[in-house]
């Protein structure tokens, strides 16, 4: 009986994570392009994935700092390695965090080798 109850509880919890909203964003500047995906589950959790790609003419930098955000939510990181011109932004999910609302533009700033570029990600 305990196993059946545990199985039911697990299925109930997972069902809240399955269906939800998916938001795809993209944007670019002179030297960078970015794709970003946010999957918001019915349970209030979200998963984010994305990549920042160097598109400039010079050799790609070895590291960058970046920040991105909306009015309600922001994130930043420093010393992020660039591998073959790409930075991977795969992140764990969070529960009850400030989720991105539909069609909200996301401001991005990338700093590398003494240079700075900003651009906006828009929902596709």
PDB file of N, CA and C in Angstrom:
ATOM      1  N   UNK A   1       0.823  -1.200   0.000  1.00  0.00           N
ATOM      2  CA  UNK A   1       0.000   0.000   0.000  1.00  0.00           C
ATOM      3  C   UNK A   1       0.859   1.253   0.000  1.00  0.00           C
ATOM      4  N   UNK A   2       1.973   1.229   0.767  1.00  0.00           N
ATOM      5  CA  UNK A   2       2.861   2.391   0.801  1.00  0.00           C
ATOM      6  C   UNK A   2       3.460   2.666  -0.573  1.00  0.00           C
ATOM      7  N   UNK A   3       3.793   1.604  -1.289  1.00  0.00           N
ATOM      8  CA  UNK A   3       4.380   1.770  -2.615  1.00  0.00           C
ATOM      9  C   UNK A   3       3.384   2.395  -3.583  1.00  0.00           C
ATOM     10  N   UNK A   4       2.145   1.994  -3.506  1.00  0.00           N
ATOM     11  CA  UNK A   4       1.117   2.558  -4.376  1.00  0.00           C
ATOM     12  C   UNK A   4       0.918   4.043  -4.057  1.00  0.00           C
ATOM     13  N   UNK A   5       0.862   4.382  -2.777  1.00  0.00           N
ATOM     14  CA  UNK A   5       0.708   5.775  -2.377  1.00  0.00           C
ATOM     15  C   UNK A   5       1.909   6.602  -2.837  1.00  0.00           C
ATOM     16  N   UNK A   6       3.120   6.068  -2.657  1.00  0.00           N
ATOM     17  CA  UNK A   6       4.332   6.772  -3.081  1.00  0.00           C
ATOM     18  C   UNK A   6       4.338   6.984  -4.591  1.00  0.00           C
ATOM     19  N   UNK A   7       3.971   5.970  -5.344  1.00  0.00           N
ATOM     20  CA  UNK A   7       3.897   6.085  -6.796  1.00  0.00           C
ATOM     21  C   UNK A   7       2.881   7.146  -7.191  1.00  0.00           C
ATOM     22  N   UNK A   8       1.728   7.156  -6.555  1.00  0.00           N
ATOM     23  CA  UNK A   8       0.699   8.156  -6.842  1.00  0.00           C
ATOM     24  C   UNK A   8       1.201   9.563  -6.525  1.00  0.00           C
ATOM     25  N   UNK A   9       1.891   9.720  -5.413  1.00  0.00           N
ATOM     26  CA  UNK A   9       2.416  11.028  -5.018  1.00  0.00           C
ATOM     27  C   UNK A   9       3.464  11.521  -6.014  1.00  0.00           C
ATOM     28  N   UNK A  10       4.339  10.633  -6.466  1.00  0.00           N
ATOM     29  CA  UNK A  10       5.365  11.010  -7.436  1.00  0.00           C
ATOM     30  C   UNK A  10       4.723  11.418  -8.753  1.00  0.00           C
ATOM     31  N   UNK A  11       3.756  10.655  -9.223  1.00  0.00           N
ATOM     32  CA  UNK A  11       3.074  10.994 -10.475  1.00  0.00           C
ATOM     33  C   UNK A  11       2.343  12.325 -10.366  1.00  0.00           C
ATOM     34  N   UNK A  12       1.751  12.594  -9.215  1.00  0.00           N
ATOM     35  CA  UNK A  12       1.056  13.862  -9.003  1.00  0.00           C
ATOM     36  C   UNK A  12       2.035  15.029  -9.071  1.00  0.00           C
ATOM     37  N   UNK A  13       3.184  14.880  -8.422  1.00  0.00           N
ATOM     38  CA  UNK A  13       4.191  15.946  -8.444  1.00  0.00           C
ATOM     39  C   UNK A  13       4.747  16.166  -9.843  1.00  0.00           C
ATOM     40  N   UNK A  14       5.011  15.087 -10.556  1.00  0.00           N
ATOM     41  CA  UNK A  14       5.551  15.215 -11.899  1.00  0.00           C
ATOM     42  C   UNK A  14       4.534  15.801 -12.866  1.00  0.00           C
ATOM     43  N   UNK A  15       3.267  15.556 -12.666  1.00  0.00           N
ATOM     44  CA  UNK A  15       2.258  16.093 -13.576  1.00  0.00           C
ATOM     45  C   UNK A  15       2.239  17.611 -13.545  1.00  0.00           C
ATOM     46  N   UNK A  16       2.584  18.216 -12.427  1.00  0.00           N
ATOM     47  CA  UNK A  16       2.656  19.666 -12.348  1.00  0.00           C
ATOM     48  C   UNK A  16       3.846  20.226 -13.084  1.00  0.00           C
ATOM     49  N   UNK A  17       4.837  19.401 -13.367  1.00  0.00           N
ATOM     50  CA  UNK A  17       6.049  19.862 -14.050  1.00  0.00           C
ATOM     51  C   UNK A  17       5.987  19.653 -15.555  1.00  0.00           C
ATOM     52  N   UNK A  18       5.043  18.878 -16.033  1.00  0.00           N
ATOM     53  CA  UNK A  18       5.059  18.498 -17.434  1.00  0.00           C
ATOM     54  C   UNK A  18       4.510  19.596 -18.342  1.00  0.00           C
ATOM     55  N   UNK A  19       3.249  19.904 -18.228  1.00  0.00           N
ATOM     56  CA  UNK A  19       2.694  20.868 -19.151  1.00  0.00           C
ATOM     57  C   UNK A  19       2.883  22.270 -18.612  1.00  0.00           C
ATOM     58  N   UNK A  20       3.071  23.191 -19.498  1.00  0.00           N
ATOM     59  CA  UNK A  20       3.278  24.570 -19.097  1.00  0.00           C
ATOM     60  C   UNK A  20       3.574  25.423 -20.311  1.00  0.00           C
ATOM     61  N   UNK A  21       4.083  26.594 -20.055  1.00  0.00           N
ATOM     62  CA  UNK A  21       4.373  27.537 -21.121  1.00  0.00           C
ATOM     63  C   UNK A  21       5.839  27.449 -21.523  1.00  0.00           C
ATOM     64  N   UNK A  22       6.084  27.646 -22.802  1.00  0.00           N
ATOM     65  CA  UNK A  22       7.435  27.660 -23.327  1.00  0.00           C
ATOM     66  C   UNK A  22       7.635  28.983 -24.053  1.00  0.00           C
ATOM     67  N   UNK A  23       8.686  29.699 -23.690  1.00  0.00           N
ATOM     68  CA  UNK A  23       8.992  30.988 -24.303  1.00  0.00           C
ATOM     69  C   UNK A  23      10.361  30.912 -24.967  1.00  0.00           C
ATOM     70  N   UNK A  24      10.440  31.237 -26.251  1.00  0.00           N
ATOM     71  CA  UNK A  24      11.688  31.256 -27.008  1.00  0.00           C
ATOM     72  C   UNK A  24      12.059  32.711 -27.291  1.00  0.00           C
ATOM     73  N   UNK A  25      13.293  33.087 -26.977  1.00  0.00           N
ATOM     74  CA  UNK A  25      13.775  34.444 -27.196  1.00  0.00           C
ATOM     75  C   UNK A  25      15.040  34.405 -28.043  1.00  0.00           C
ATOM     76  N   UNK A  26      15.262  35.481 -28.801  1.00  0.00           N
ATOM     77  CA  UNK A  26      16.513  35.616 -29.529  1.00  0.00           C
ATOM     78  C   UNK A  26      16.804  37.096 -29.742  1.00  0.00           C
ATOM     79  N   UNK A  27      18.079  37.381 -29.971  1.00  0.00           N
ATOM     80  CA  UNK A  27      18.507  38.742 -30.232  1.00  0.00           C
ATOM     81  C   UNK A  27      19.978  38.742 -30.589  1.00  0.00           C
ATOM     82  N   UNK A  28      20.473  39.887 -31.076  1.00  0.00           N
ATOM     83  CA  UNK A  28      21.873  39.960 -31.455  1.00  0.00           C
ATOM     84  C   UNK A  28      22.370  41.398 -31.417  1.00  0.00           C
ATOM     85  N   UNK A  29      23.690  41.510 -31.427  1.00  0.00           N
ATOM     86  CA  UNK A  29      24.375  42.799 -31.513  1.00  0.00           C
ATOM     87  C   UNK A  29      25.438  42.658 -32.598  1.00  0.00           C
ATOM     88  N   UNK A  30      26.379  43.583 -32.650  1.00  0.00           N
ATOM     89  CA  UNK A  30      27.416  43.518 -33.678  1.00  0.00           C
ATOM     90  C   UNK A  30      28.291  42.274 -33.557  1.00  0.00           C
ATOM     91  N   UNK A  31      28.581  41.854 -32.325  1.00  0.00           N
ATOM     92  CA  UNK A  31      29.519  40.744 -32.117  1.00  0.00           C
ATOM     93  C   UNK A  31      28.930  39.517 -31.446  1.00  0.00           C
ATOM     94  N   UNK A  32      27.666  39.569 -31.048  1.00  0.00           N
ATOM     95  CA  UNK A  32      27.078  38.467 -30.285  1.00  0.00           C
ATOM     96  C   UNK A  32      25.659  38.188 -30.740  1.00  0.00           C
ATOM     97  N   UNK A  33      25.262  36.922 -30.654  1.00  0.00           N
ATOM     98  CA  UNK A  33      23.852  36.545 -30.828  1.00  0.00           C
ATOM     99  C   UNK A  33      23.489  35.622 -29.671  1.00  0.00           C
ATOM    100  N   UNK A  34      22.222  35.604 -29.333  1.00  0.00           N
ATOM    101  CA  UNK A  34      21.793  34.810 -28.183  1.00  0.00           C
ATOM    102  C   UNK A  34      20.435  34.185 -28.447  1.00  0.00           C
ATOM    103  N   UNK A  35      20.310  32.932 -28.069  1.00  0.00           N
ATOM    104  CA  UNK A  35      19.038  32.213 -28.060  1.00  0.00           C
ATOM    105  C   UNK A  35      18.775  31.809 -26.623  1.00  0.00           C
ATOM    106  N   UNK A  36      17.527  31.931 -26.193  1.00  0.00           N
ATOM    107  CA  UNK A  36      17.182  31.690 -24.797  1.00  0.00           C
ATOM    108  C   UNK A  36      15.789  31.077 -24.740  1.00  0.00           C
ATOM    109  N   UNK A  37      15.630  30.027 -23.937  1.00  0.00           N
ATOM    110  CA  UNK A  37      14.348  29.336 -23.816  1.00  0.00           C
ATOM    111  C   UNK A  37      13.984  29.221 -22.344  1.00  0.00           C
ATOM    112  N   UNK A  38      12.747  29.548 -22.021  1.00  0.00           N
ATOM    113  CA  UNK A  38      12.229  29.424 -20.667  1.00  0.00           C
ATOM    114  C   UNK A  38      11.003  28.523 -20.722  1.00  0.00           C
ATOM    115  N   UNK A  39      11.017  27.467 -19.928  1.00  0.00           N
ATOM    116  CA  UNK A  39       9.866  26.568 -19.832  1.00  0.00           C
ATOM    117  C   UNK A  39       9.311  26.702 -18.425  1.00  0.00           C
ATOM    118  N   UNK A  40       8.090  27.219 -18.336  1.00  0.00           N
ATOM    119  CA  UNK A  40       7.437  27.436 -17.046  1.00  0.00           C
ATOM    120  C   UNK A  40       6.402  26.335 -16.862  1.00  0.00           C
ATOM    121  N   UNK A  41       6.559  25.543 -15.815  1.00  0.00           N
ATOM    122  CA  UNK A  41       5.629  24.450 -15.527  1.00  0.00           C
ATOM    123  C   UNK A  41       4.452  24.966 -14.722  1.00  0.00           C
ATOM    124  N   UNK A  42       3.379  24.218 -14.734  1.00  0.00           N
ATOM    125  CA  UNK A  42       2.185  24.589 -13.974  1.00  0.00           C
ATOM    126  C   UNK A  42       2.463  24.644 -12.476  1.00  0.00           C
ATOM    127  N   UNK A  43       3.493  23.963 -12.026  1.00  0.00           N
ATOM    128  CA  UNK A  43       3.816  23.927 -10.601  1.00  0.00           C
ATOM    129  C   UNK A  43       4.505  25.202 -10.120  1.00  0.00           C
ATOM    130  N   UNK A  44       4.852  26.113 -11.054  1.00  0.00           N
ATOM    131  CA  UNK A  44       5.542  27.340 -10.679  1.00  0.00           C
ATOM    132  C   UNK A  44       7.043  27.246 -10.856  1.00  0.00           C
ATOM    133  N   UNK A  45       7.549  26.078 -11.233  1.00  0.00           N
ATOM    134  CA  UNK A  45       8.985  25.946 -11.460  1.00  0.00           C
ATOM    135  C   UNK A  45       9.302  26.331 -12.901  1.00  0.00           C
ATOM    136  N   UNK A  46      10.559  26.556 -13.179  1.00  0.00           N
ATOM    137  CA  UNK A  46      10.944  26.846 -14.549  1.00  0.00           C
ATOM    138  C   UNK A  46      12.330  26.302 -14.843  1.00  0.00           C
ATOM    139  N   UNK A  47      12.549  25.989 -16.096  1.00  0.00           N
ATOM    140  CA  UNK A  47      13.836  25.543 -16.608  1.00  0.00           C
ATOM    141  C   UNK A  47      14.272  26.556 -17.658  1.00  0.00           C
ATOM    142  N   UNK A  48      15.540  26.912 -17.669  1.00  0.00           N
ATOM    143  CA  UNK A  48      16.049  27.830 -18.681  1.00  0.00           C
ATOM    144  C   UNK A  48      17.238  27.201 -19.391  1.00  0.00           C
ATOM    145  N   UNK A  49      17.321  27.465 -20.683  1.00  0.00           N
ATOM    146  CA  UNK A  49      18.417  26.999 -21.517  1.00  0.00           C
ATOM    147  C   UNK A  49      18.750  28.092 -22.514  1.00  0.00           C
ATOM    148  N   UNK A  50      19.955  28.118 -22.946  1.00  0.00           N
ATOM    149  CA  UNK A  50      20.302  29.096 -23.957  1.00  0.00           C
ATOM    150  C   UNK A  50      21.762  29.046 -24.321  1.00  0.00           C
ATOM    151  N   UNK A  51      22.113  29.894 -25.269  1.00  0.00           N
ATOM    152  CA  UNK A  51      23.507  29.995 -25.678  1.00  0.00           C
ATOM    153  C   UNK A  51      23.783  31.411 -26.165  1.00  0.00           C
ATOM    154  N   UNK A  52      25.000  31.834 -25.921  1.00  0.00           N
ATOM    155  CA  UNK A  52      25.505  33.104 -26.421  1.00  0.00           C
ATOM    156  C   UNK A  52      26.610  32.749 -27.406  1.00  0.00           C
ATOM    157  N   UNK A  53      26.512  33.255 -28.626  1.00  0.00           N
ATOM    158  CA  UNK A  53      27.468  32.911 -29.672  1.00  0.00           C
ATOM    159  C   UNK A  53      28.213  34.154 -30.146  1.00  0.00           C
ATOM    160  N   UNK A  54      29.524  34.060 -30.191  1.00  0.00           N
ATOM    161  CA  UNK A  54      30.348  35.154 -30.690  1.00  0.00           C
ATOM    162  C   UNK A  54      30.279  35.156 -32.205  1.00  0.00           C
ATOM    163  N   UNK A  55      29.922  36.302 -32.801  1.00  0.00           N
ATOM    164  CA  UNK A  55      29.791  36.417 -34.255  1.00  0.00           C
ATOM    165  C   UNK A  55      30.759  37.439 -34.839  1.00  0.00           C
ATOM    166  N   UNK A  56      31.637  37.985 -34.007  1.00  0.00           N
ATOM    167  CA  UNK A  56      32.567  39.022 -34.447  1.00  0.00           C
ATOM    168  C   UNK A  56      33.644  38.496 -35.373  1.00  0.00           C
ATOM    169  N   UNK A  57      34.358  39.443 -36.010  1.00  0.00           N
ATOM    170  CA  UNK A  57      35.410  39.097 -36.964  1.00  0.00           C
ATOM    171  C   UNK A  57      36.712  38.691 -36.269  1.00  0.00           C
ATOM    172  N   UNK A  58      36.979  39.254 -35.105  1.00  0.00           N
ATOM    173  CA  UNK A  58      38.199  38.924 -34.367  1.00  0.00           C
ATOM    174  C   UNK A  58      38.071  37.535 -33.751  1.00  0.00           C
ATOM    175  N   UNK A  59      39.190  36.952 -33.336  1.00  0.00           N
ATOM    176  CA  UNK A  59      39.093  35.665 -32.623  1.00  0.00           C
ATOM    177  C   UNK A  59      38.200  35.817 -31.382  1.00  0.00           C
ATOM    178  N   UNK A  60      37.459  34.773 -31.059  1.00  0.00           N
ATOM    179  CA  UNK A  60      36.533  34.865 -29.923  1.00  0.00           C
ATOM    180  C   UNK A  60      37.308  35.000 -28.614  1.00  0.00           C
ATOM    181  N   UNK A  61      36.719  35.707 -27.657  1.00  0.00           N
ATOM    182  CA  UNK A  61      37.390  35.849 -26.365  1.00  0.00           C
ATOM    183  C   UNK A  61      37.393  34.525 -25.611  1.00  0.00           C
ATOM    184  N   UNK A  62      38.259  34.438 -24.621  1.00  0.00           N
ATOM    185  CA  UNK A  62      38.321  33.218 -23.811  1.00  0.00           C
ATOM    186  C   UNK A  62      37.298  33.226 -22.690  1.00  0.00           C
ATOM    187  N   UNK A  63      36.903  34.435 -22.226  1.00  0.00           N
ATOM    188  CA  UNK A  63      35.925  34.561 -21.135  1.00  0.00           C
ATOM    189  C   UNK A  63      35.078  35.816 -21.339  1.00  0.00           C
ATOM    190  N   UNK A  64      33.861  35.764 -20.787  1.00  0.00           N
ATOM    191  CA  UNK A  64      32.983  36.931 -20.805  1.00  0.00           C
ATOM    192  C   UNK A  64      32.319  37.095 -19.444  1.00  0.00           C
ATOM    193  N   UNK A  65      31.792  38.283 -19.228  1.00  0.00           N
ATOM    194  CA  UNK A  65      30.858  38.554 -18.144  1.00  0.00           C
ATOM    195  C   UNK A  65      29.550  38.897 -18.831  1.00  0.00           C
ATOM    196  N   UNK A  66      28.440  38.496 -18.246  1.00  0.00           N
ATOM    197  CA  UNK A  66      27.169  38.886 -18.841  1.00  0.00           C
ATOM    198  C   UNK A  66      26.149  39.166 -17.753  1.00  0.00           C
ATOM    199  N   UNK A  67      25.173  39.957 -18.125  1.00  0.00           N
ATOM    200  CA  UNK A  67      24.011  40.160 -17.271  1.00  0.00           C
ATOM    201  C   UNK A  67      22.802  40.225 -18.183  1.00  0.00           C
ATOM    202  N   UNK A  68      21.688  39.787 -17.667  1.00  0.00           N
ATOM    203  CA  UNK A  68      20.446  39.825 -18.436  1.00  0.00           C
ATOM    204  C   UNK A  68      19.292  39.937 -17.469  1.00  0.00           C
ATOM    205  N   UNK A  69      18.237  40.580 -17.908  1.00  0.00           N
ATOM    206  CA  UNK A  69      17.115  40.683 -17.005  1.00  0.00           C
ATOM    207  C   UNK A  69      15.942  41.459 -17.545  1.00  0.00           C
ATOM    208  N   UNK A  70      14.881  41.375 -16.775  1.00  0.00           N
ATOM    209  CA  UNK A  70      13.653  42.126 -17.001  1.00  0.00           C
ATOM    210  C   UNK A  70      13.437  42.970 -15.755  1.00  0.00           C
ATOM    211  N   UNK A  71      12.312  43.621 -15.694  1.00  0.00           N
ATOM    212  CA  UNK A  71      11.999  44.424 -14.513  1.00  0.00           C
ATOM    213  C   UNK A  71      11.907  43.543 -13.267  1.00  0.00           C
ATOM    214  N   UNK A  72      11.381  42.331 -13.406  1.00  0.00           N
ATOM    215  CA  UNK A  72      11.143  41.464 -12.256  1.00  0.00           C
ATOM    216  C   UNK A  72      12.269  40.498 -11.931  1.00  0.00           C
ATOM    217  N   UNK A  73      13.118  40.209 -12.890  1.00  0.00           N
ATOM    218  CA  UNK A  73      14.102  39.143 -12.683  1.00  0.00           C
ATOM    219  C   UNK A  73      15.390  39.472 -13.414  1.00  0.00           C
ATOM    220  N   UNK A  74      16.513  39.174 -12.779  1.00  0.00           N
ATOM    221  CA  UNK A  74      17.793  39.374 -13.460  1.00  0.00           C
ATOM    222  C   UNK A  74      18.778  38.300 -13.020  1.00  0.00           C
ATOM    223  N   UNK A  75      19.795  38.130 -13.830  1.00  0.00           N
ATOM    224  CA  UNK A  75      20.876  37.205 -13.494  1.00  0.00           C
ATOM    225  C   UNK A  75      22.145  37.741 -14.137  1.00  0.00           C
ATOM    226  N   UNK A  76      23.261  37.404 -13.538  1.00  0.00           N
ATOM    227  CA  UNK A  76      24.539  37.810 -14.104  1.00  0.00           C
ATOM    228  C   UNK A  76      25.590  36.790 -13.703  1.00  0.00           C
ATOM    229  N   UNK A  77      26.678  36.812 -14.448  1.00  0.00           N
ATOM    230  CA  UNK A  77      27.777  35.903 -14.161  1.00  0.00           C
ATOM    231  C   UNK A  77      29.065  36.526 -14.683  1.00  0.00           C
ATOM    232  N   UNK A  78      30.154  36.211 -14.020  1.00  0.00           N
ATOM    233  CA  UNK A  78      31.448  36.724 -14.435  1.00  0.00           C
ATOM    234  C   UNK A  78      32.413  35.574 -14.671  1.00  0.00           C
ATOM    235  N   UNK A  79      33.369  35.826 -15.546  1.00  0.00           N
ATOM    236  CA  UNK A  79      34.389  34.820 -15.818  1.00  0.00           C
ATOM    237  C   UNK A  79      33.861  33.560 -16.454  1.00  0.00           C
ATOM    238  N   UNK A  80      32.886  33.686 -17.346  1.00  0.00           N
ATOM    239  CA  UNK A  80      32.285  32.517 -18.001  1.00  0.00           C
ATOM    240  C   UNK A  80      33.141  32.135 -19.210  1.00  0.00           C
ATOM    241  N   UNK A  81      33.602  30.885 -19.279  1.00  0.00           N
ATOM    242  CA  UNK A  81      34.447  30.480 -20.405  1.00  0.00           C
ATOM    243  C   UNK A  81      33.666  30.409 -21.721  1.00  0.00           C
ATOM    244  N   UNK A  82      34.338  30.816 -22.789  1.00  0.00           N
ATOM    245  CA  UNK A  82      33.785  30.740 -24.141  1.00  0.00           C
ATOM    246  C   UNK A  82      34.485  29.576 -24.833  1.00  0.00           C
ATOM    247  N   UNK A  83      33.718  28.583 -25.258  1.00  0.00           N
ATOM    248  CA  UNK A  83      34.278  27.393 -25.892  1.00  0.00           C
ATOM    249  C   UNK A  83      33.883  27.380 -27.360  1.00  0.00           C
ATOM    250  N   UNK A  84      34.855  27.464 -28.238  1.00  0.00           N
ATOM    251  CA  UNK A  84      34.611  27.502 -29.688  1.00  0.00           C
ATOM    252  C   UNK A  84      33.604  28.590 -30.050  1.00  0.00           C
ATOM    253  N   UNK A  85      33.699  29.739 -29.378  1.00  0.00           N
ATOM    254  CA  UNK A  85      32.839  30.871 -29.684  1.00  0.00           C
ATOM    255  C   UNK A  85      31.455  30.806 -29.078  1.00  0.00           C
ATOM    256  N   UNK A  86      31.195  29.839 -28.196  1.00  0.00           N
ATOM    257  CA  UNK A  86      29.843  29.655 -27.642  1.00  0.00           C
ATOM    258  C   UNK A  86      29.904  29.552 -26.123  1.00  0.00           C
ATOM    259  N   UNK A  87      28.929  30.193 -25.482  1.00  0.00           N
ATOM    260  CA  UNK A  87      28.718  30.068 -24.038  1.00  0.00           C
ATOM    261  C   UNK A  87      27.390  29.358 -23.846  1.00  0.00           C
ATOM    262  N   UNK A  88      27.383  28.256 -23.107  1.00  0.00           N
ATOM    263  CA  UNK A  88      26.158  27.515 -22.824  1.00  0.00           C
ATOM    264  C   UNK A  88      25.535  28.034 -21.537  1.00  0.00           C
ATOM    265  N   UNK A  89      24.223  28.280 -21.570  1.00  0.00           N
ATOM    266  CA  UNK A  89      23.518  28.807 -20.405  1.00  0.00           C
ATOM    267  C   UNK A  89      22.529  27.806 -19.833  1.00  0.00           C
ATOM    268  N   UNK A  90      22.847  26.538 -19.864  1.00  0.00           N
ATOM    269  CA  UNK A  90      21.964  25.541 -19.263  1.00  0.00           C
ATOM    270  C   UNK A  90      21.990  25.724 -17.763  1.00  0.00           C
ATOM    271  N   UNK A  91      20.812  25.894 -17.178  1.00  0.00           N
ATOM    272  CA  UNK A  91      20.718  26.146 -15.740  1.00  0.00           C
ATOM    273  C   UNK A  91      19.678  25.227 -15.143  1.00  0.00           C
ATOM    274  N   UNK A  92      19.869  24.928 -13.879  1.00  0.00           N
ATOM    275  CA  UNK A  92      18.868  24.169 -13.153  1.00  0.00           C
ATOM    276  C   UNK A  92      17.613  25.013 -13.019  1.00  0.00           C
ATOM    277  N   UNK A  93      16.537  24.378 -12.745  1.00  0.00           N
ATOM    278  CA  UNK A  93      15.291  25.090 -12.568  1.00  0.00           C
ATOM    279  C   UNK A  93      15.183  25.715 -11.195  1.00  0.00           C
ATOM    280  N   UNK A  94      14.145  26.484 -11.025  1.00  0.00           N
ATOM    281  CA  UNK A  94      13.874  27.052  -9.712  1.00  0.00           C
ATOM    282  C   UNK A  94      12.376  27.004  -9.475  1.00  0.00           C
ATOM    283  N   UNK A  95      11.996  27.008  -8.234  1.00  0.00           N
ATOM    284  CA  UNK A  95      10.601  26.915  -7.843  1.00  0.00           C
ATOM    285  C   UNK A  95      10.176  28.241  -7.246  1.00  0.00           C
ATOM    286  N   UNK A  96       9.003  28.724  -7.658  1.00  0.00           N
ATOM    287  CA  UNK A  96       8.448  29.992  -7.182  1.00  0.00           C
ATOM    288  C   UNK A  96       9.410  31.157  -7.389  1.00  0.00           C
ATOM    289  N   UNK A  97      10.155  31.135  -8.494  1.00  0.00           N
ATOM    290  CA  UNK A  97      11.039  32.254  -8.793  1.00  0.00           C
ATOM    291  C   UNK A  97      10.277  33.222  -9.705  1.00  0.00           C
ATOM    292  N   UNK A  98      10.808  34.387  -9.882  1.00  0.00           N
ATOM    293  CA  UNK A  98      10.154  35.374 -10.734  1.00  0.00           C
ATOM    294  C   UNK A  98      10.180  34.910 -12.171  1.00  0.00           C
ATOM    295  N   UNK A  99       9.090  34.383 -12.668  1.00  0.00           N
ATOM    296  CA  UNK A  99       9.058  33.859 -14.021  1.00  0.00           C
ATOM    297  C   UNK A  99       8.911  34.993 -15.019  1.00  0.00           C
ATOM    298  N   UNK A 100       9.409  34.762 -16.198  1.00  0.00           N
ATOM    299  CA  UNK A 100       9.332  35.743 -17.269  1.00  0.00           C
ATOM    300  C   UNK A 100       7.929  35.704 -17.854  1.00  0.00           C
ATOM    301  N   UNK A 101       7.322  36.859 -17.952  1.00  0.00           N
ATOM    302  CA  UNK A 101       5.980  36.956 -18.517  1.00  0.00           C
ATOM    303  C   UNK A 101       6.064  36.925 -20.038  1.00  0.00           C
ATOM    304  N   UNK A 102       5.002  36.472 -20.663  1.00  0.00           N
ATOM    305  CA  UNK A 102       4.949  36.351 -22.106  1.00  0.00           C
ATOM    306  C   UNK A 102       5.236  37.693 -22.777  1.00  0.00           C
ATOM    307  N   UNK A 103       6.067  37.667 -23.810  1.00  0.00           N
ATOM    308  CA  UNK A 103       6.440  38.817 -24.638  1.00  0.00           C
ATOM    309  C   UNK A 103       7.168  39.921 -23.877  1.00  0.00           C
ATOM    310  N   UNK A 104       7.780  39.599 -22.761  1.00  0.00           N
ATOM    311  CA  UNK A 104       8.583  40.563 -22.021  1.00  0.00           C
ATOM    312  C   UNK A 104       9.979  40.609 -22.631  1.00  0.00           C
ATOM    313  N   UNK A 105      10.442  41.774 -23.092  1.00  0.00           N
ATOM    314  CA  UNK A 105      11.805  41.848 -23.628  1.00  0.00           C
ATOM    315  C   UNK A 105      12.832  41.659 -22.517  1.00  0.00           C
ATOM    316  N   UNK A 106      13.945  41.039 -22.856  1.00  0.00           N
ATOM    317  CA  UNK A 106      15.017  40.773 -21.907  1.00  0.00           C
ATOM    318  C   UNK A 106      16.251  41.567 -22.353  1.00  0.00           C
ATOM    319  N   UNK A 107      16.768  42.400 -21.468  1.00  0.00           N
ATOM    320  CA  UNK A 107      17.959  43.190 -21.769  1.00  0.00           C
ATOM    321  C   UNK A 107      19.203  42.360 -21.462  1.00  0.00           C
ATOM    322  N   UNK A 108      20.166  42.367 -22.368  1.00  0.00           N
ATOM    323  CA  UNK A 108      21.396  41.594 -22.216  1.00  0.00           C
ATOM    324  C   UNK A 108      22.593  42.527 -22.346  1.00  0.00           C
ATOM    325  N   UNK A 109      23.578  42.339 -21.490  1.00  0.00           N
ATOM    326  CA  UNK A 109      24.841  43.064 -21.591  1.00  0.00           C
ATOM    327  C   UNK A 109      25.977  42.052 -21.529  1.00  0.00           C
ATOM    328  N   UNK A 110      26.887  42.140 -22.491  1.00  0.00           N
ATOM    329  CA  UNK A 110      28.038  41.245 -22.536  1.00  0.00           C
ATOM    330  C   UNK A 110      29.304  42.091 -22.473  1.00  0.00           C
ATOM    331  N   UNK A 111      30.207  41.699 -21.603  1.00  0.00           N
ATOM    332  CA  UNK A 111      31.480  42.410 -21.422  1.00  0.00           C
ATOM    333  C   UNK A 111      32.607  41.416 -21.692  1.00  0.00           C
ATOM    334  N   UNK A 112      33.553  41.812 -22.546  1.00  0.00           N
ATOM    335  CA  UNK A 112      34.688  40.960 -22.858  1.00  0.00           C
ATOM    336  C   UNK A 112      35.861  41.832 -23.308  1.00  0.00           C
ATOM    337  N   UNK A 113      37.032  41.466 -22.914  1.00  0.00           N
ATOM    338  CA  UNK A 113      38.266  42.126 -23.357  1.00  0.00           C
ATOM    339  C   UNK A 113      38.152  43.650 -23.395  1.00  0.00           C
ATOM    340  N   UNK A 114      37.554  44.255 -22.373  1.00  0.00           N
ATOM    341  CA  UNK A 114      37.430  45.706 -22.311  1.00  0.00           C
ATOM    342  C   UNK A 114      36.341  46.291 -23.184  1.00  0.00           C
ATOM    343  N   UNK A 115      35.510  45.462 -23.790  1.00  0.00           N
ATOM    344  CA  UNK A 115      34.422  45.926 -24.654  1.00  0.00           C
ATOM    345  C   UNK A 115      33.083  45.555 -24.027  1.00  0.00           C
ATOM    346  N   UNK A 116      32.064  46.313 -24.369  1.00  0.00           N
ATOM    347  CA  UNK A 116      30.712  46.054 -23.859  1.00  0.00           C
ATOM    348  C   UNK A 116      29.705  46.210 -24.993  1.00  0.00           C
ATOM    349  N   UNK A 117      28.761  45.294 -25.067  1.00  0.00           N
ATOM    350  CA  UNK A 117      27.646  45.423 -26.004  1.00  0.00           C
ATOM    351  C   UNK A 117      26.364  45.074 -25.270  1.00  0.00           C
ATOM    352  N   UNK A 118      25.306  45.780 -25.615  1.00  0.00           N
ATOM    353  CA  UNK A 118      23.986  45.491 -25.062  1.00  0.00           C
ATOM    354  C   UNK A 118      23.009  45.277 -26.216  1.00  0.00           C
ATOM    355  N   UNK A 119      22.037  44.426 -25.964  1.00  0.00           N
ATOM    356  CA  UNK A 119      20.982  44.183 -26.960  1.00  0.00           C
ATOM    357  C   UNK A 119      19.774  43.627 -26.230  1.00  0.00           C
ATOM    358  N   UNK A 120      18.691  43.500 -26.965  1.00  0.00           N
ATOM    359  CA  UNK A 120      17.425  43.045 -26.393  1.00  0.00           C
ATOM    360  C   UNK A 120      17.027  41.711 -27.016  1.00  0.00           C
ATOM    361  N   UNK A 121      16.619  40.785 -26.163  1.00  0.00           N
ATOM    362  CA  UNK A 121      16.034  39.531 -26.635  1.00  0.00           C
ATOM    363  C   UNK A 121      14.532  39.727 -26.727  1.00  0.00           C
ATOM    364  N   UNK A 122      13.963  39.282 -27.836  1.00  0.00           N
ATOM    365  CA  UNK A 122      12.519  39.373 -28.025  1.00  0.00           C
ATOM    366  C   UNK A 122      11.954  37.988 -28.240  1.00  0.00           C
ATOM    367  N   UNK A 123      10.741  37.793 -27.775  1.00  0.00           N
ATOM    368  CA  UNK A 123      10.107  36.487 -27.911  1.00  0.00           C
ATOM    369  C   UNK A 123       9.725  36.245 -29.370  1.00  0.00           C
ATOM    370  N   UNK A 124      10.021  35.036 -29.804  1.00  0.00           N
ATOM    371  CA  UNK A 124       9.710  34.657 -31.185  1.00  0.00           C
ATOM    372  C   UNK A 124       8.265  34.223 -31.324  1.00  0.00           C
TER     373      UNK A 124
END
